[in-house]
Amino acid sequence: MEHFLIVLKSLGLINWFYSFMTRSLSTLRGITCNSLIFRSLWHHL
């Protein structure tokens, strides 16, 4: 029974880590897109 709880806990950690990674990746992607748009606008000025 304890082993099952340990497996559940590690799965939860993996799930949390995965969601954290995807969130930071999307944030990074948004930042890069915004900086690219800003740079192109800056060049047009």
N, C-alpha and C. Protein backbone atom coordinates (compact mmCIF):
# COMPACT_ATOMS: atom_id res chain seq x y z
N MET A 1 0.84 -1.21 0.00
CA MET A 1 0.00 0.00 0.00
C MET A 1 0.88 1.27 0.00
N GLU A 2 1.93 1.25 0.81
CA GLU A 2 2.82 2.41 0.85
C GLU A 2 3.50 2.64 -0.50
N HIS A 3 3.85 1.53 -1.14
CA HIS A 3 4.49 1.63 -2.46
C HIS A 3 3.55 2.31 -3.46
N PHE A 4 2.27 1.98 -3.38
CA PHE A 4 1.27 2.59 -4.25
C PHE A 4 1.19 4.09 -4.01
N LEU A 5 1.25 4.50 -2.75
CA LEU A 5 1.21 5.92 -2.42
C LEU A 5 2.44 6.64 -2.97
N ILE A 6 3.59 5.99 -2.89
CA ILE A 6 4.84 6.58 -3.41
C ILE A 6 4.73 6.77 -4.92
N VAL A 7 4.17 5.78 -5.60
CA VAL A 7 3.99 5.88 -7.05
C VAL A 7 3.05 7.03 -7.39
N LEU A 8 1.97 7.14 -6.64
CA LEU A 8 1.01 8.23 -6.86
C LEU A 8 1.69 9.58 -6.65
N LYS A 9 2.50 9.67 -5.61
CA LYS A 9 3.19 10.92 -5.30
C LYS A 9 4.16 11.31 -6.41
N SER A 10 4.91 10.33 -6.91
CA SER A 10 5.87 10.62 -7.98
C SER A 10 5.14 11.00 -9.26
N LEU A 11 3.99 10.36 -9.53
CA LEU A 11 3.21 10.72 -10.71
C LEU A 11 2.70 12.15 -10.59
N GLY A 12 2.28 12.53 -9.40
CA GLY A 12 1.83 13.90 -9.17
C GLY A 12 2.95 14.90 -9.41
N LEU A 13 4.15 14.54 -8.95
CA LEU A 13 5.31 15.41 -9.16
C LEU A 13 5.62 15.56 -10.63
N ILE A 14 5.57 14.43 -11.36
CA ILE A 14 5.83 14.46 -12.80
C ILE A 14 4.79 15.33 -13.51
N ASN A 15 3.54 15.16 -13.11
CA ASN A 15 2.45 15.94 -13.71
C ASN A 15 2.64 17.43 -13.43
N TRP A 16 3.01 17.78 -12.17
CA TRP A 16 3.22 19.17 -11.81
C TRP A 16 4.40 19.74 -12.61
N PHE A 17 5.48 18.96 -12.71
CA PHE A 17 6.67 19.41 -13.44
C PHE A 17 6.34 19.64 -14.91
N TYR A 18 5.54 18.72 -15.47
CA TYR A 18 5.16 18.84 -16.88
C TYR A 18 4.33 20.10 -17.13
N SER A 19 3.35 20.34 -16.25
CA SER A 19 2.52 21.53 -16.42
C SER A 19 3.35 22.80 -16.23
N PHE A 20 4.29 22.76 -15.30
CA PHE A 20 5.17 23.91 -15.06
C PHE A 20 6.03 24.18 -16.28
N MET A 21 6.58 23.11 -16.89
CA MET A 21 7.42 23.27 -18.07
C MET A 21 6.63 23.83 -19.24
N THR A 22 5.42 23.31 -19.47
CA THR A 22 4.62 23.79 -20.59
C THR A 22 4.24 25.25 -20.37
N ARG A 23 3.94 25.61 -19.11
CA ARG A 23 3.57 27.00 -18.82
C ARG A 23 4.74 27.93 -19.09
N SER A 24 5.93 27.56 -18.63
CA SER A 24 7.09 28.42 -18.85
C SER A 24 7.47 28.48 -20.33
N LEU A 25 7.26 27.36 -21.05
CA LEU A 25 7.55 27.36 -22.48
C LEU A 25 6.62 28.30 -23.22
N SER A 26 5.34 28.26 -22.87
CA SER A 26 4.38 29.15 -23.54
C SER A 26 4.68 30.61 -23.18
N THR A 27 5.10 30.85 -21.94
CA THR A 27 5.46 32.20 -21.53
C THR A 27 6.67 32.69 -22.34
N LEU A 28 7.66 31.81 -22.48
CA LEU A 28 8.85 32.16 -23.27
C LEU A 28 8.48 32.44 -24.71
N ARG A 29 7.58 31.62 -25.25
CA ARG A 29 7.16 31.80 -26.64
C ARG A 29 6.45 33.15 -26.79
N GLY A 30 5.61 33.48 -25.83
CA GLY A 30 4.91 34.77 -25.87
C GLY A 30 5.88 35.93 -25.81
N ILE A 31 6.89 35.80 -24.96
CA ILE A 31 7.89 36.87 -24.83
C ILE A 31 8.66 37.04 -26.14
N THR A 32 9.04 35.92 -26.77
CA THR A 32 9.79 36.02 -28.03
C THR A 32 8.93 36.63 -29.12
N CYS A 33 7.67 36.21 -29.19
CA CYS A 33 6.78 36.77 -30.21
C CYS A 33 6.63 38.28 -30.00
N ASN A 34 6.41 38.69 -28.75
CA ASN A 34 6.24 40.11 -28.46
C ASN A 34 7.49 40.90 -28.79
N SER A 35 8.67 40.36 -28.48
CA SER A 35 9.91 41.09 -28.77
C SER A 35 10.14 41.17 -30.27
N LEU A 36 9.77 40.12 -31.01
CA LEU A 36 9.92 40.16 -32.46
C LEU A 36 9.00 41.22 -33.07
N ILE A 37 7.75 41.26 -32.59
CA ILE A 37 6.79 42.26 -33.09
C ILE A 37 7.29 43.66 -32.75
N PHE A 38 7.77 43.82 -31.52
CA PHE A 38 8.27 45.11 -31.07
C PHE A 38 9.46 45.55 -31.93
N ARG A 39 10.34 44.60 -32.24
CA ARG A 39 11.53 44.93 -33.04
C ARG A 39 11.14 45.37 -34.44
N SER A 40 10.18 44.66 -35.05
CA SER A 40 9.76 45.02 -36.41
C SER A 40 9.07 46.39 -36.41
N LEU A 41 8.26 46.64 -35.38
CA LEU A 41 7.61 47.95 -35.27
C LEU A 41 8.66 49.04 -35.09
N TRP A 42 9.68 48.76 -34.27
CA TRP A 42 10.74 49.72 -34.01
C TRP A 42 11.47 50.07 -35.30
N HIS A 43 11.71 49.06 -36.15
CA HIS A 43 12.40 49.30 -37.42
C HIS A 43 11.54 50.14 -38.36
N HIS A 44 10.23 49.98 -38.28
CA HIS A 44 9.34 50.77 -39.15
C HIS A 44 9.30 52.23 -38.71
N LEU A 45 9.54 52.48 -37.44
CA LEU A 45 9.60 53.87 -36.96
C LEU A 45 10.90 54.50 -37.43
